Amino acid sequence: MGKPNKMNSTYQQMTGVRKLYMKKHVKVLNIVGDVGDKTDGRVDNISTLSLQYLVSGGNSSYRVLKINGKNAQHSKLHEKRL
């Protein structure tokens, strides 16, 4: 389910949203970039994938779209045509 082994204080605070997602039907698409080093050049993929724990469950759905290569840079991900 994506639950991190270690949670910093900010992430621990964000776990409060899990209750909201359990009650609602929300579709989440997590776009992950990998420029070749398991990061999008700014954010580690392991951190990006920890979103699943916060938003999945209940009636919500969670999906990952992984983009690889030089165009998978953090700043370019929002410009991809999906």
Protein backbone atom coordinates (compact mmCIF):
# COMPACT_ATOMS: atom_id res chain seq x y z
CA MET A 1 0.00 0.00 0.00
CA GLY A 2 3.01 2.31 -0.18
CA LYS A 3 3.35 2.94 3.56
CA PRO A 4 6.82 4.36 4.19
CA ASN A 5 9.10 2.62 6.69
CA LYS A 6 10.09 6.01 8.08
CA MET A 7 7.90 9.11 8.20
CA ASN A 8 9.13 12.61 8.87
CA SER A 9 6.90 14.99 10.84
CA THR A 10 5.41 16.58 7.70
CA TYR A 11 4.39 13.23 6.25
CA GLN A 12 2.96 12.16 9.61
CA GLN A 13 0.75 15.26 9.57
CA MET A 14 -0.41 14.45 6.04
CA THR A 15 -1.64 11.01 7.12
CA GLY A 16 -4.71 12.80 8.44
CA VAL A 17 -6.05 13.07 4.87
CA ARG A 18 -6.38 9.28 4.70
CA LYS A 19 -9.70 9.51 6.53
CA LEU A 20 -11.02 11.92 3.91
CA TYR A 21 -10.02 9.69 1.00
CA MET A 22 -11.62 6.67 2.68
CA LYS A 23 -14.99 8.48 2.70
CA LYS A 24 -14.85 9.91 -0.83
CA HIS A 25 -14.52 8.46 -4.31
CA VAL A 26 -11.41 10.13 -5.67
CA LYS A 27 -9.36 9.11 -8.68
CA VAL A 28 -5.66 9.85 -8.25
CA LEU A 29 -3.11 9.68 -11.07
CA ASN A 30 0.44 9.90 -9.73
CA ILE A 31 2.84 10.88 -12.53
CA VAL A 32 6.35 9.70 -11.70
CA GLY A 33 9.45 10.66 -13.66
CA ASP A 34 12.66 8.66 -13.85
CA VAL A 35 15.58 10.26 -15.66
CA GLY A 36 17.63 7.11 -15.07
CA ASP A 37 18.64 7.39 -11.44
CA LYS A 38 15.28 6.59 -9.78
CA THR A 39 14.46 10.29 -9.51
CA ASP A 40 12.85 12.91 -11.70
CA GLY A 41 15.95 14.98 -11.09
CA ARG A 42 14.42 16.57 -8.00
CA VAL A 43 12.27 14.01 -6.15
CA ASP A 44 13.19 10.38 -5.40
CA ASN A 45 10.73 7.89 -6.86
CA ILE A 46 10.41 6.21 -3.47
CA SER A 47 9.10 9.48 -2.03
CA THR A 48 6.76 10.07 -4.94
CA LEU A 49 5.28 6.59 -4.59
CA SER A 50 4.56 7.14 -0.89
CA LEU A 51 1.51 9.15 -2.03
CA GLN A 52 -0.29 5.83 -2.45
CA TYR A 53 -0.49 5.29 1.30
CA LEU A 54 -2.11 8.70 1.79
CA VAL A 55 -4.79 8.51 -0.89
CA SER A 56 -5.67 4.86 -1.53
CA GLY A 57 -8.32 2.82 0.19
CA GLY A 58 -12.04 3.05 0.58
CA ASN A 59 -13.73 4.03 -2.67
CA SER A 60 -10.74 5.93 -4.02
CA SER A 61 -8.59 4.64 -6.85
CA TYR A 62 -4.87 5.19 -7.30
CA ARG A 63 -2.83 4.75 -10.47
CA VAL A 64 0.82 5.39 -11.34
CA LEU A 65 2.05 6.58 -14.70
CA LYS A 66 5.83 6.34 -14.93
CA ILE A 67 7.68 8.34 -17.56
CA ASN A 68 11.30 7.39 -18.28
CA GLY A 69 14.18 9.17 -19.98
CA LYS A 70 15.49 12.69 -20.37
CA ASN A 71 11.99 14.13 -20.75
CA ALA A 72 10.99 12.74 -17.35
CA GLN A 73 12.53 15.69 -15.52
CA HIS A 74 10.44 17.12 -12.69
CA SER A 75 9.91 20.45 -14.45
CA LYS A 76 8.83 18.76 -17.69
CA LEU A 77 6.31 16.26 -16.30
CA HIS A 78 3.40 18.70 -16.36
CA GLU A 79 3.98 19.35 -20.06
CA LYS A 80 3.57 15.72 -21.18
CA ARG A 81 0.52 15.00 -23.29
CA LEU A 82 -1.17 11.99 -21.70
